[in-house]
Structure formats: structure tokens, C-alpha cells
Amino acid sequence: MAKIRTGRVGEQIKKELSLLIQSELKDPRIGFITVTGVEVTGDLSQAKVYLSVFGEQEQKDNSLKALAKANGFLRSELGKRIRFRHVPELIFKIDESIAYGSRIEKLLGDIGTDKNESE
């Protein structure tokens, strides 16, 4: 039963954080960010928020710094919108799976074109 609740809470946090980052945060360091997932611990004390940031490594670092600075604001807004008794601590991490997947797709495409040229 606890897994179902943590899953629902994670999805709700993901939805609300996406809206907050897009509409409420005005920091120019924040680039094009997509919240790809949220993992909440069983006791709902921490939430790992996985982000996909469009741009170079410097843009990713700047976006993480800006989100870390806005952490208190984001937690308070989450508390108001979802009405938690205790809002989980937000830990922001870059999700490299999308970049990894496109790299693998590109490599597979290169192998396909090499095979066609050799025949």
C-alpha cells in the first residue's frame, strides 16, 4: 500500500514542479527544463527530482544552481498546492538517459548506413 502512495505522491510532485518551474520561476539561469521523473522515499521525507536540461554542460550546471537556490520557494509552493503536512526535501539530479538514448540511436543509425555502403 505504501508503494502505491509514494507513486501517486511522486507523480503529483512531478506535475506541480513542472508547472512551477515553467510559470513561477523567473531566474534567467534556468533554461529549458523538463521534469522527467520523481522518486520519493517510503517515509516521504526526500524526493529525487530528475531533470532533462536542453543545452551544454554549463547550462545544466547553471540550471541546477538556480533550482537549488529556489528550493525553499518550490517546497513552500508544493506544500500549498498539494497540502502536505511535511513537504519532502527536494534533491535535483540531471537525467542523462535521454541523451544516452539518442547517442545509442545515432550509433545504431551509423552502423546501418555503414552496412548498406559495404554491400
PDB file of N, CA and C in Angstrom:
ATOM      1  N   MET A   1       0.810  -1.189   0.000  1.00  0.00           N
ATOM      2  CA  MET A   1       0.000   0.000   0.000  1.00  0.00           C
ATOM      3  C   MET A   1       0.861   1.263   0.000  1.00  0.00           C
ATOM      4  N   ALA A   2       2.009   1.195   0.699  1.00  0.00           N
ATOM      5  CA  ALA A   2       2.883   2.369   0.773  1.00  0.00           C
ATOM      6  C   ALA A   2       3.485   2.692  -0.587  1.00  0.00           C
ATOM      7  N   LYS A   3       3.759   1.654  -1.399  1.00  0.00           N
ATOM      8  CA  LYS A   3       4.336   1.884  -2.724  1.00  0.00           C
ATOM      9  C   LYS A   3       3.357   2.627  -3.628  1.00  0.00           C
ATOM     10  N   ILE A   4       2.095   2.318  -3.491  1.00  0.00           N
ATOM     11  CA  ILE A   4       1.083   2.994  -4.292  1.00  0.00           C
ATOM     12  C   ILE A   4       1.028   4.470  -3.914  1.00  0.00           C
ATOM     13  N   ARG A   5       1.081   4.748  -2.622  1.00  0.00           N
ATOM     14  CA  ARG A   5       1.014   6.144  -2.171  1.00  0.00           C
ATOM     15  C   ARG A   5       2.247   6.910  -2.608  1.00  0.00           C
ATOM     16  N   THR A   6       3.441   6.330  -2.462  1.00  0.00           N
ATOM     17  CA  THR A   6       4.652   7.046  -2.876  1.00  0.00           C
ATOM     18  C   THR A   6       4.637   7.298  -4.378  1.00  0.00           C
ATOM     19  N   GLY A   7       4.108   6.365  -5.147  1.00  0.00           N
ATOM     20  CA  GLY A   7       3.991   6.562  -6.591  1.00  0.00           C
ATOM     21  C   GLY A   7       3.064   7.713  -6.940  1.00  0.00           C
ATOM     22  N   ARG A   8       1.922   7.762  -6.260  1.00  0.00           N
ATOM     23  CA  ARG A   8       0.969   8.852  -6.504  1.00  0.00           C
ATOM     24  C   ARG A   8       1.542  10.197  -6.083  1.00  0.00           C
ATOM     25  N   VAL A   9       2.216  10.215  -4.932  1.00  0.00           N
ATOM     26  CA  VAL A   9       2.822  11.461  -4.451  1.00  0.00           C
ATOM     27  C   VAL A   9       3.912  11.914  -5.414  1.00  0.00           C
ATOM     28  N   GLY A  10       4.718  10.973  -5.909  1.00  0.00           N
ATOM     29  CA  GLY A  10       5.773  11.302  -6.866  1.00  0.00           C
ATOM     30  C   GLY A  10       5.222  11.901  -8.140  1.00  0.00           C
ATOM     31  N   GLU A  11       4.164  11.318  -8.651  1.00  0.00           N
ATOM     32  CA  GLU A  11       3.545  11.853  -9.878  1.00  0.00           C
ATOM     33  C   GLU A  11       2.946  13.236  -9.656  1.00  0.00           C
ATOM     34  N   GLN A  12       2.350  13.444  -8.484  1.00  0.00           N
ATOM     35  CA  GLN A  12       1.771  14.754  -8.194  1.00  0.00           C
ATOM     36  C   GLN A  12       2.866  15.815  -8.047  1.00  0.00           C
ATOM     37  N   ILE A  13       3.967  15.449  -7.390  1.00  0.00           N
ATOM     38  CA  ILE A  13       5.100  16.373  -7.257  1.00  0.00           C
ATOM     39  C   ILE A  13       5.663  16.693  -8.633  1.00  0.00           C
ATOM     40  N   LYS A  14       5.793  15.690  -9.484  1.00  0.00           N
ATOM     41  CA  LYS A  14       6.307  15.902 -10.843  1.00  0.00           C
ATOM     42  C   LYS A  14       5.435  16.892 -11.606  1.00  0.00           C
ATOM     43  N   LYS A  15       4.139  16.708 -11.529  1.00  0.00           N
ATOM     44  CA  LYS A  15       3.198  17.576 -12.242  1.00  0.00           C
ATOM     45  C   LYS A  15       3.273  19.011 -11.728  1.00  0.00           C
ATOM     46  N   GLU A  16       3.247  19.175 -10.420  1.00  0.00           N
ATOM     47  CA  GLU A  16       3.252  20.518  -9.833  1.00  0.00           C
ATOM     48  C   GLU A  16       4.599  21.215 -10.028  1.00  0.00           C
ATOM     49  N   LEU A  17       5.708  20.478  -9.903  1.00  0.00           N
ATOM     50  CA  LEU A  17       7.021  21.084 -10.114  1.00  0.00           C
ATOM     51  C   LEU A  17       7.189  21.550 -11.552  1.00  0.00           C
ATOM     52  N   SER A  18       6.694  20.771 -12.489  1.00  0.00           N
ATOM     53  CA  SER A  18       6.763  21.184 -13.894  1.00  0.00           C
ATOM     54  C   SER A  18       6.057  22.518 -14.097  1.00  0.00           C
ATOM     55  N   LEU A  19       4.873  22.644 -13.541  1.00  0.00           N
ATOM     56  CA  LEU A  19       4.124  23.892 -13.662  1.00  0.00           C
ATOM     57  C   LEU A  19       4.833  25.045 -12.956  1.00  0.00           C
ATOM     58  N   LEU A  20       5.369  24.782 -11.764  1.00  0.00           N
ATOM     59  CA  LEU A  20       6.051  25.831 -11.013  1.00  0.00           C
ATOM     60  C   LEU A  20       7.299  26.325 -11.737  1.00  0.00           C
ATOM     61  N   ILE A  21       8.083  25.407 -12.260  1.00  0.00           N
ATOM     62  CA  ILE A  21       9.330  25.794 -12.929  1.00  0.00           C
ATOM     63  C   ILE A  21       9.017  26.596 -14.190  1.00  0.00           C
ATOM     64  N   GLN A  22       8.005  26.187 -14.923  1.00  0.00           N
ATOM     65  CA  GLN A  22       7.668  26.890 -16.160  1.00  0.00           C
ATOM     66  C   GLN A  22       7.060  28.260 -15.911  1.00  0.00           C
ATOM     67  N   SER A  23       6.184  28.368 -14.911  1.00  0.00           N
ATOM     68  CA  SER A  23       5.418  29.606 -14.789  1.00  0.00           C
ATOM     69  C   SER A  23       5.893  30.535 -13.680  1.00  0.00           C
ATOM     70  N   GLU A  24       6.385  30.020 -12.579  1.00  0.00           N
ATOM     71  CA  GLU A  24       6.659  30.856 -11.422  1.00  0.00           C
ATOM     72  C   GLU A  24       8.110  31.320 -11.302  1.00  0.00           C
ATOM     73  N   LEU A  25       9.060  30.507 -11.716  1.00  0.00           N
ATOM     74  CA  LEU A  25      10.473  30.868 -11.545  1.00  0.00           C
ATOM     75  C   LEU A  25      10.904  31.821 -12.653  1.00  0.00           C
ATOM     76  N   LYS A  26      11.519  32.923 -12.263  1.00  0.00           N
ATOM     77  CA  LYS A  26      11.933  33.947 -13.219  1.00  0.00           C
ATOM     78  C   LYS A  26      13.456  34.053 -13.317  1.00  0.00           C
ATOM     79  N   ASP A  27      14.189  33.097 -12.764  1.00  0.00           N
ATOM     80  CA  ASP A  27      15.654  33.139 -12.783  1.00  0.00           C
ATOM     81  C   ASP A  27      16.157  32.933 -14.212  1.00  0.00           C
ATOM     82  N   PRO A  28      16.993  33.849 -14.730  1.00  0.00           N
ATOM     83  CA  PRO A  28      17.472  33.698 -16.117  1.00  0.00           C
ATOM     84  C   PRO A  28      18.428  32.519 -16.310  1.00  0.00           C
ATOM     85  N   ARG A  29      18.968  31.982 -15.216  1.00  0.00           N
ATOM     86  CA  ARG A  29      19.878  30.832 -15.345  1.00  0.00           C
ATOM     87  C   ARG A  29      19.136  29.549 -15.683  1.00  0.00           C
ATOM     88  N   ILE A  30      17.842  29.537 -15.415  1.00  0.00           N
ATOM     89  CA  ILE A  30      17.060  28.330 -15.689  1.00  0.00           C
ATOM     90  C   ILE A  30      16.743  28.282 -17.173  1.00  0.00           C
ATOM     91  N   GLY A  31      17.227  27.229 -17.812  1.00  0.00           N
ATOM     92  CA  GLY A  31      16.998  27.063 -19.238  1.00  0.00           C
ATOM     93  C   GLY A  31      15.728  26.273 -19.496  1.00  0.00           C
ATOM     94  N   PHE A  32      15.757  25.538 -20.591  1.00  0.00           N
ATOM     95  CA  PHE A  32      14.616  24.710 -20.964  1.00  0.00           C
ATOM     96  C   PHE A  32      14.702  23.406 -20.170  1.00  0.00           C
ATOM     97  N   ILE A  33      13.886  23.288 -19.130  1.00  0.00           N
ATOM     98  CA  ILE A  33      13.945  22.151 -18.205  1.00  0.00           C
ATOM     99  C   ILE A  33      12.676  21.325 -18.335  1.00  0.00           C
ATOM    100  N   THR A  34      12.861  20.003 -18.341  1.00  0.00           N
ATOM    101  CA  THR A  34      11.751  19.071 -18.307  1.00  0.00           C
ATOM    102  C   THR A  34      11.932  18.163 -17.098  1.00  0.00           C
ATOM    103  N   VAL A  35      10.923  18.042 -16.285  1.00  0.00           N
ATOM    104  CA  VAL A  35      10.963  17.120 -15.145  1.00  0.00           C
ATOM    105  C   VAL A  35      10.607  15.738 -15.686  1.00  0.00           C
ATOM    106  N   THR A  36      11.602  14.828 -15.686  1.00  0.00           N
ATOM    107  CA  THR A  36      11.380  13.514 -16.282  1.00  0.00           C
ATOM    108  C   THR A  36      10.902  12.473 -15.282  1.00  0.00           C
ATOM    109  N   GLY A  37      11.155  12.695 -14.013  1.00  0.00           N
ATOM    110  CA  GLY A  37      10.713  11.720 -13.030  1.00  0.00           C
ATOM    111  C   GLY A  37      10.960  12.188 -11.616  1.00  0.00           C
ATOM    112  N   VAL A  38      10.243  11.581 -10.669  1.00  0.00           N
ATOM    113  CA  VAL A  38      10.417  11.880  -9.248  1.00  0.00           C
ATOM    114  C   VAL A  38      10.368  10.557  -8.499  1.00  0.00           C
ATOM    115  N   GLU A  39      11.397  10.311  -7.676  1.00  0.00           N
ATOM    116  CA  GLU A  39      11.424   9.135  -6.807  1.00  0.00           C
ATOM    117  C   GLU A  39      11.287   9.618  -5.373  1.00  0.00           C
ATOM    118  N   VAL A  40      10.256   9.145  -4.686  1.00  0.00           N
ATOM    119  CA  VAL A  40      10.002   9.553  -3.310  1.00  0.00           C
ATOM    120  C   VAL A  40      10.356   8.390  -2.395  1.00  0.00           C
ATOM    121  N   THR A  41      11.025   8.691  -1.271  1.00  0.00           N
ATOM    122  CA  THR A  41      11.352   7.636  -0.316  1.00  0.00           C
ATOM    123  C   THR A  41      10.080   7.137   0.357  1.00  0.00           C
ATOM    124  N   GLY A  42      10.167   5.989   0.982  1.00  0.00           N
ATOM    125  CA  GLY A  42       8.996   5.375   1.593  1.00  0.00           C
ATOM    126  C   GLY A  42       8.366   6.203   2.689  1.00  0.00           C
ATOM    127  N   ASP A  43       9.184   6.968   3.433  1.00  0.00           N
ATOM    128  CA  ASP A  43       8.645   7.794   4.503  1.00  0.00           C
ATOM    129  C   ASP A  43       8.308   9.212   4.046  1.00  0.00           C
ATOM    130  N   LEU A  44       8.398   9.467   2.737  1.00  0.00           N
ATOM    131  CA  LEU A  44       8.061  10.751   2.123  1.00  0.00           C
ATOM    132  C   LEU A  44       8.911  11.910   2.652  1.00  0.00           C
ATOM    133  N   SER A  45      10.138  11.614   3.080  1.00  0.00           N
ATOM    134  CA  SER A  45      10.996  12.683   3.598  1.00  0.00           C
ATOM    135  C   SER A  45      11.867  13.297   2.513  1.00  0.00           C
ATOM    136  N   GLN A  46      12.166  12.553   1.467  1.00  0.00           N
ATOM    137  CA  GLN A  46      13.002  13.053   0.384  1.00  0.00           C
ATOM    138  C   GLN A  46      12.390  12.686  -0.959  1.00  0.00           C
ATOM    139  N   ALA A  47      12.631  13.571  -1.927  1.00  0.00           N
ATOM    140  CA  ALA A  47      12.175  13.314  -3.288  1.00  0.00           C
ATOM    141  C   ALA A  47      13.316  13.658  -4.233  1.00  0.00           C
ATOM    142  N   LYS A  48      13.772  12.667  -4.989  1.00  0.00           N
ATOM    143  CA  LYS A  48      14.783  12.908  -6.011  1.00  0.00           C
ATOM    144  C   LYS A  48      14.058  13.304  -7.290  1.00  0.00           C
ATOM    145  N   VAL A  49      14.376  14.502  -7.772  1.00  0.00           N
ATOM    146  CA  VAL A  49      13.719  15.041  -8.951  1.00  0.00           C
ATOM    147  C   VAL A  49      14.712  14.959 -10.102  1.00  0.00           C
ATOM    148  N   TYR A  50      14.360  14.182 -11.137  1.00  0.00           N
ATOM    149  CA  TYR A  50      15.226  14.014 -12.297  1.00  0.00           C
ATOM    150  C   TYR A  50      14.811  14.991 -13.383  1.00  0.00           C
ATOM    151  N   LEU A  51      15.812  15.733 -13.888  1.00  0.00           N
ATOM    152  CA  LEU A  51      15.564  16.797 -14.850  1.00  0.00           C
ATOM    153  C   LEU A  51      16.324  16.555 -16.135  1.00  0.00           C
ATOM    154  N   SER A  52      15.716  16.930 -17.221  1.00  0.00           N
ATOM    155  CA  SER A  52      16.389  16.953 -18.510  1.00  0.00           C
ATOM    156  C   SER A  52      16.521  18.414 -18.907  1.00  0.00           C
ATOM    157  N   VAL A  53      17.778  18.851 -19.141  1.00  0.00           N
ATOM    158  CA  VAL A  53      18.043  20.252 -19.466  1.00  0.00           C
ATOM    159  C   VAL A  53      18.598  20.316 -20.873  1.00  0.00           C
ATOM    160  N   PHE A  54      17.989  21.162 -21.686  1.00  0.00           N
ATOM    161  CA  PHE A  54      18.445  21.350 -23.056  1.00  0.00           C
ATOM    162  C   PHE A  54      19.625  22.308 -23.040  1.00  0.00           C
ATOM    163  N   GLY A  55      20.755  21.887 -23.620  1.00  0.00           N
ATOM    164  CA  GLY A  55      21.912  22.768 -23.695  1.00  0.00           C
ATOM    165  C   GLY A  55      23.194  22.053 -23.302  1.00  0.00           C
ATOM    166  N   GLU A  56      24.238  22.850 -23.188  1.00  0.00           N
ATOM    167  CA  GLU A  56      25.559  22.334 -22.849  1.00  0.00           C
ATOM    168  C   GLU A  56      25.660  22.076 -21.341  1.00  0.00           C
ATOM    169  N   GLN A  57      26.811  21.528 -20.938  1.00  0.00           N
ATOM    170  CA  GLN A  57      27.036  21.206 -19.528  1.00  0.00           C
ATOM    171  C   GLN A  57      26.954  22.456 -18.644  1.00  0.00           C
ATOM    172  N   GLU A  58      27.449  23.584 -19.145  1.00  0.00           N
ATOM    173  CA  GLU A  58      27.403  24.830 -18.377  1.00  0.00           C
ATOM    174  C   GLU A  58      25.959  25.248 -18.099  1.00  0.00           C
ATOM    175  N   GLN A  59      25.101  25.094 -19.095  1.00  0.00           N
ATOM    176  CA  GLN A  59      23.679  25.424 -18.923  1.00  0.00           C
ATOM    177  C   GLN A  59      23.037  24.496 -17.891  1.00  0.00           C
ATOM    178  N   LYS A  60      23.421  23.211 -17.910  1.00  0.00           N
ATOM    179  CA  LYS A  60      22.884  22.259 -16.938  1.00  0.00           C
ATOM    180  C   LYS A  60      23.310  22.637 -15.527  1.00  0.00           C
ATOM    181  N   ASP A  61      24.591  22.998 -15.365  1.00  0.00           N
ATOM    182  CA  ASP A  61      25.097  23.386 -14.046  1.00  0.00           C
ATOM    183  C   ASP A  61      24.406  24.643 -13.537  1.00  0.00           C
ATOM    184  N   ASN A  62      24.235  25.620 -14.416  1.00  0.00           N
ATOM    185  CA  ASN A  62      23.563  26.861 -14.020  1.00  0.00           C
ATOM    186  C   ASN A  62      22.109  26.605 -13.620  1.00  0.00           C
ATOM    187  N   SER A  63      21.444  25.737 -14.348  1.00  0.00           N
ATOM    188  CA  SER A  63      20.051  25.425 -14.024  1.00  0.00           C
ATOM    189  C   SER A  63      19.952  24.727 -12.677  1.00  0.00           C
ATOM    190  N   LEU A  64      20.886  23.804 -12.392  1.00  0.00           N
ATOM    191  CA  LEU A  64      20.873  23.121 -11.094  1.00  0.00           C
ATOM    192  C   LEU A  64      21.125  24.096  -9.954  1.00  0.00           C
ATOM    193  N   LYS A  65      22.059  25.046 -10.156  1.00  0.00           N
ATOM    194  CA  LYS A  65      22.343  26.043  -9.120  1.00  0.00           C
ATOM    195  C   LYS A  65      21.116  26.924  -8.866  1.00  0.00           C
ATOM    196  N   ALA A  66      20.447  27.327  -9.932  1.00  0.00           N
ATOM    197  CA  ALA A  66      19.264  28.168  -9.782  1.00  0.00           C
ATOM    198  C   ALA A  66      18.140  27.422  -9.069  1.00  0.00           C
ATOM    199  N   LEU A  67      17.963  26.139  -9.378  1.00  0.00           N
ATOM    200  CA  LEU A  67      16.927  25.352  -8.715  1.00  0.00           C
ATOM    201  C   LEU A  67      17.268  25.117  -7.249  1.00  0.00           C
ATOM    202  N   ALA A  68      18.562  24.918  -6.962  1.00  0.00           N
ATOM    203  CA  ALA A  68      18.967  24.747  -5.569  1.00  0.00           C
ATOM    204  C   ALA A  68      18.683  26.021  -4.771  1.00  0.00           C
ATOM    205  N   LYS A  69      18.875  27.165  -5.399  1.00  0.00           N
ATOM    206  CA  LYS A  69      18.597  28.445  -4.733  1.00  0.00           C
ATOM    207  C   LYS A  69      17.090  28.640  -4.524  1.00  0.00           C
ATOM    208  N   ALA A  70      16.285  28.146  -5.437  1.00  0.00           N
ATOM    209  CA  ALA A  70      14.833  28.288  -5.346  1.00  0.00           C
ATOM    210  C   ALA A  70      14.174  27.133  -4.606  1.00  0.00           C
ATOM    211  N   ASN A  71      14.964  26.267  -3.988  1.00  0.00           N
ATOM    212  CA  ASN A  71      14.444  25.070  -3.337  1.00  0.00           C
ATOM    213  C   ASN A  71      13.400  25.409  -2.270  1.00  0.00           C
ATOM    214  N   GLY A  72      13.667  26.395  -1.438  1.00  0.00           N
ATOM    215  CA  GLY A  72      12.722  26.774  -0.386  1.00  0.00           C
ATOM    216  C   GLY A  72      11.401  27.260  -0.951  1.00  0.00           C
ATOM    217  N   PHE A  73      11.475  28.093  -1.985  1.00  0.00           N
ATOM    218  CA  PHE A  73      10.250  28.576  -2.629  1.00  0.00           C
ATOM    219  C   PHE A  73       9.454  27.422  -3.217  1.00  0.00           C
ATOM    220  N   LEU A  74      10.158  26.501  -3.904  1.00  0.00           N
ATOM    221  CA  LEU A  74       9.467  25.370  -4.528  1.00  0.00           C
ATOM    222  C   LEU A  74       8.801  24.481  -3.480  1.00  0.00           C
ATOM    223  N   ARG A  75       9.496  24.241  -2.377  1.00  0.00           N
ATOM    224  CA  ARG A  75       8.915  23.406  -1.315  1.00  0.00           C
ATOM    225  C   ARG A  75       7.684  24.073  -0.708  1.00  0.00           C
ATOM    226  N   SER A  76       7.760  25.384  -0.461  1.00  0.00           N
ATOM    227  CA  SER A  76       6.609  26.058   0.147  1.00  0.00           C
ATOM    228  C   SER A  76       5.416  26.064  -0.810  1.00  0.00           C
ATOM    229  N   GLU A  77       5.670  26.279  -2.100  1.00  0.00           N
ATOM    230  CA  GLU A  77       4.577  26.256  -3.071  1.00  0.00           C
ATOM    231  C   GLU A  77       3.990  24.850  -3.206  1.00  0.00           C
ATOM    232  N   LEU A  78       4.847  23.826  -3.163  1.00  0.00           N
ATOM    233  CA  LEU A  78       4.331  22.452  -3.202  1.00  0.00           C
ATOM    234  C   LEU A  78       3.438  22.182  -1.997  1.00  0.00           C
ATOM    235  N   GLY A  79       3.864  22.668  -0.847  1.00  0.00           N
ATOM    236  CA  GLY A  79       3.067  22.484   0.359  1.00  0.00           C
ATOM    237  C   GLY A  79       1.706  23.140   0.253  1.00  0.00           C
ATOM    238  N   LYS A  80       1.642  24.298  -0.393  1.00  0.00           N
ATOM    239  CA  LYS A  80       0.364  24.987  -0.560  1.00  0.00           C
ATOM    240  C   LYS A  80      -0.528  24.277  -1.571  1.00  0.00           C
ATOM    241  N   ARG A  81       0.086  23.823  -2.667  1.00  0.00           N
ATOM    242  CA  ARG A  81      -0.707  23.231  -3.751  1.00  0.00           C
ATOM    243  C   ARG A  81      -1.165  21.812  -3.450  1.00  0.00           C
ATOM    244  N   ILE A  82      -0.302  21.019  -2.801  1.00  0.00           N
ATOM    245  CA  ILE A  82      -0.650  19.619  -2.551  1.00  0.00           C
ATOM    246  C   ILE A  82      -1.131  19.423  -1.114  1.00  0.00           C
ATOM    247  N   ARG A  83      -0.847  20.383  -0.246  1.00  0.00           N
ATOM    248  CA  ARG A  83      -1.238  20.356   1.159  1.00  0.00           C
ATOM    249  C   ARG A  83      -0.660  19.156   1.903  1.00  0.00           C
ATOM    250  N   PHE A  84       0.667  19.078   1.890  1.00  0.00           N
ATOM    251  CA  PHE A  84       1.371  18.083   2.690  1.00  0.00           C
ATOM    252  C   PHE A  84       1.503  18.581   4.117  1.00  0.00           C
ATOM    253  N   ARG A  85       1.567  17.663   5.044  1.00  0.00           N
ATOM    254  CA  ARG A  85       1.907  18.051   6.408  1.00  0.00           C
ATOM    255  C   ARG A  85       3.396  18.368   6.468  1.00  0.00           C
ATOM    256  N   HIS A  86       4.211  17.502   5.866  1.00  0.00           N
ATOM    257  CA  HIS A  86       5.661  17.715   5.763  1.00  0.00           C
ATOM    258  C   HIS A  86       6.030  17.551   4.296  1.00  0.00           C
ATOM    259  N   VAL A  87       6.526  18.609   3.696  1.00  0.00           N
ATOM    260  CA  VAL A  87       6.906  18.571   2.284  1.00  0.00           C
ATOM    261  C   VAL A  87       8.261  17.878   2.181  1.00  0.00           C
ATOM    262  N   PRO A  88       8.423  16.930   1.252  1.00  0.00           N
ATOM    263  CA  PRO A  88       9.711  16.233   1.123  1.00  0.00           C
ATOM    264  C   PRO A  88      10.835  17.180   0.719  1.00  0.00           C
ATOM    265  N   GLU A  89      12.038  16.848   1.171  1.00  0.00           N
ATOM    266  CA  GLU A  89      13.229  17.577   0.756  1.00  0.00           C
ATOM    267  C   GLU A  89      13.471  17.265  -0.715  1.00  0.00           C
ATOM    268  N   LEU A  90      13.691  18.299  -1.526  1.00  0.00           N
ATOM    269  CA  LEU A  90      13.860  18.117  -2.966  1.00  0.00           C
ATOM    270  C   LEU A  90      15.350  18.004  -3.294  1.00  0.00           C
ATOM    271  N   ILE A  91      15.713  16.949  -3.993  1.00  0.00           N
ATOM    272  CA  ILE A  91      17.084  16.740  -4.442  1.00  0.00           C
ATOM    273  C   ILE A  91      17.042  16.689  -5.964  1.00  0.00           C
ATOM    274  N   PHE A  92      17.686  17.670  -6.602  1.00  0.00           N
ATOM    275  CA  PHE A  92      17.646  17.772  -8.059  1.00  0.00           C
ATOM    276  C   PHE A  92      18.829  17.049  -8.677  1.00  0.00           C
ATOM    277  N   LYS A  93      18.551  16.228  -9.697  1.00  0.00           N
ATOM    278  CA  LYS A  93      19.589  15.493 -10.418  1.00  0.00           C
ATOM    279  C   LYS A  93      19.312  15.585 -11.915  1.00  0.00           C
ATOM    280  N   ILE A  94      20.401  15.607 -12.681  1.00  0.00           N
ATOM    281  CA  ILE A  94      20.274  15.626 -14.140  1.00  0.00           C
ATOM    282  C   ILE A  94      20.022  14.207 -14.624  1.00  0.00           C
ATOM    283  N   ASP A  95      19.026  14.050 -15.482  1.00  0.00           N
ATOM    284  CA  ASP A  95      18.687  12.756 -16.071  1.00  0.00           C
ATOM    285  C   ASP A  95      19.403  12.637 -17.414  1.00  0.00           C
ATOM    286  N   GLU A  96      20.404  11.789 -17.468  1.00  0.00           N
ATOM    287  CA  GLU A  96      21.198  11.627 -18.681  1.00  0.00           C
ATOM    288  C   GLU A  96      20.630  10.546 -19.605  1.00  0.00           C
ATOM    289  N   SER A  97      19.537   9.917 -19.240  1.00  0.00           N
ATOM    290  CA  SER A  97      19.021   8.795 -20.026  1.00  0.00           C
ATOM    291  C   SER A  97      18.554   9.227 -21.413  1.00  0.00           C
ATOM    292  N   ILE A  98      18.018  10.426 -21.551  1.00  0.00           N
ATOM    293  CA  ILE A  98      17.544  10.875 -22.862  1.00  0.00           C
ATOM    294  C   ILE A  98      18.728  11.091 -23.799  1.00  0.00           C
ATOM    295  N   ALA A  99      19.781  11.735 -23.299  1.00  0.00           N
ATOM    296  CA  ALA A  99      20.982  11.952 -24.114  1.00  0.00           C
ATOM    297  C   ALA A  99      21.640  10.614 -24.452  1.00  0.00           C
ATOM    298  N   TYR A 100      21.650   9.697 -23.494  1.00  0.00           N
ATOM    299  CA  TYR A 100      22.235   8.376 -23.722  1.00  0.00           C
ATOM    300  C   TYR A 100      21.444   7.620 -24.787  1.00  0.00           C
ATOM    301  N   GLY A 101      20.134   7.700 -24.720  1.00  0.00           N
ATOM    302  CA  GLY A 101      19.282   7.024 -25.706  1.00  0.00           C
ATOM    303  C   GLY A 101      19.476   7.582 -27.100  1.00  0.00           C
ATOM    304  N   SER A 102      19.587   8.915 -27.231  1.00  0.00           N
ATOM    305  CA  SER A 102      19.797   9.477 -28.567  1.00  0.00           C
ATOM    306  C   SER A 102      21.185   9.149 -29.097  1.00  0.00           C
ATOM    307  N   ARG A 103      22.168   9.030 -28.214  1.00  0.00           N
ATOM    308  CA  ARG A 103      23.514   8.631 -28.655  1.00  0.00           C
ATOM    309  C   ARG A 103      23.497   7.201 -29.186  1.00  0.00           C
ATOM    310  N   ILE A 104      22.820   6.298 -28.482  1.00  0.00           N
ATOM    311  CA  ILE A 104      22.706   4.904 -28.930  1.00  0.00           C
ATOM    312  C   ILE A 104      21.969   4.845 -30.267  1.00  0.00           C
ATOM    313  N   GLU A 105      20.901   5.620 -30.413  1.00  0.00           N
ATOM    314  CA  GLU A 105      20.148   5.641 -31.666  1.00  0.00           C
ATOM    315  C   GLU A 105      21.015   6.128 -32.825  1.00  0.00           C
ATOM    316  N   LYS A 106      21.835   7.139 -32.570  1.00  0.00           N
ATOM    317  CA  LYS A 106      22.731   7.666 -33.596  1.00  0.00           C
ATOM    318  C   LYS A 106      23.764   6.612 -33.989  1.00  0.00           C
ATOM    319  N   LEU A 107      24.329   5.920 -32.990  1.00  0.00           N
ATOM    320  CA  LEU A 107      25.313   4.874 -33.279  1.00  0.00           C
ATOM    321  C   LEU A 107      24.698   3.734 -34.090  1.00  0.00           C
ATOM    322  N   LEU A 108      23.474   3.350 -33.741  1.00  0.00           N
ATOM    323  CA  LEU A 108      22.798   2.292 -34.494  1.00  0.00           C
ATOM    324  C   LEU A 108      22.503   2.743 -35.920  1.00  0.00           C
ATOM    325  N   GLY A 109      22.147   4.009 -36.084  1.00  0.00           N
ATOM    326  CA  GLY A 109      21.926   4.543 -37.430  1.00  0.00           C
ATOM    327  C   GLY A 109      23.204   4.553 -38.243  1.00  0.00           C
ATOM    328  N   ASP A 110      24.334   4.897 -37.606  1.00  0.00           N
ATOM    329  CA  ASP A 110      25.625   4.877 -38.291  1.00  0.00           C
ATOM    330  C   ASP A 110      26.008   3.466 -38.719  1.00  0.00           C
ATOM    331  N   ILE A 111      25.724   2.485 -37.874  1.00  0.00           N
ATOM    332  CA  ILE A 111      26.030   1.092 -38.227  1.00  0.00           C
ATOM    333  C   ILE A 111      25.194   0.668 -39.430  1.00  0.00           C
ATOM    334  N   GLY A 112      23.924   1.079 -39.459  1.00  0.00           N
ATOM    335  CA  GLY A 112      23.046   0.734 -40.572  1.00  0.00           C
ATOM    336  C   GLY A 112      23.533   1.338 -41.883  1.00  0.00           C
ATOM    337  N   THR A 113      23.990   2.576 -41.856  1.00  0.00           N
ATOM    338  CA  THR A 113      24.466   3.202 -43.090  1.00  0.00           C
ATOM    339  C   THR A 113      25.800   2.591 -43.530  1.00  0.00           C
ATOM    340  N   ASP A 114      26.666   2.225 -42.585  1.00  0.00           N
ATOM    341  CA  ASP A 114      27.923   1.574 -42.924  1.00  0.00           C
ATOM    342  C   ASP A 114      27.680   0.213 -43.572  1.00  0.00           C
ATOM    343  N   LYS A 115      26.693  -0.518 -43.064  1.00  0.00           N
ATOM    344  CA  LYS A 115      26.374  -1.832 -43.609  1.00  0.00           C
ATOM    345  C   LYS A 115      25.846  -1.713 -45.032  1.00  0.00           C
ATOM    346  N   ASN A 116      25.002  -0.716 -45.281  1.00  0.00           N
ATOM    347  CA  ASN A 116      24.453  -0.507 -46.619  1.00  0.00           C
ATOM    348  C   ASN A 116      25.538  -0.096 -47.619  1.00  0.00           C
ATOM    349  N   GLU A 117      26.501   0.688 -47.204  1.00  0.00           N
ATOM    350  CA  GLU A 117      27.584   1.115 -48.088  1.00  0.00           C
ATOM    351  C   GLU A 117      28.511  -0.034 -48.445  1.00  0.00           C
ATOM    352  N   SER A 118      28.729  -0.974 -47.509  1.00  0.00           N
ATOM    353  CA  SER A 118      29.650  -2.094 -47.776  1.00  0.00           C
ATOM    354  C   SER A 118      29.025  -3.129 -48.718  1.00  0.00           C
ATOM    355  N   GLU A 119      27.711  -3.169 -48.812  1.00  0.00           N
ATOM    356  CA  GLU A 119      27.060  -4.149 -49.691  1.00  0.00           C
ATOM    357  C   GLU A 119      26.984  -3.606 -51.047  1.00  0.00           C
TER     358      GLU A 119
END
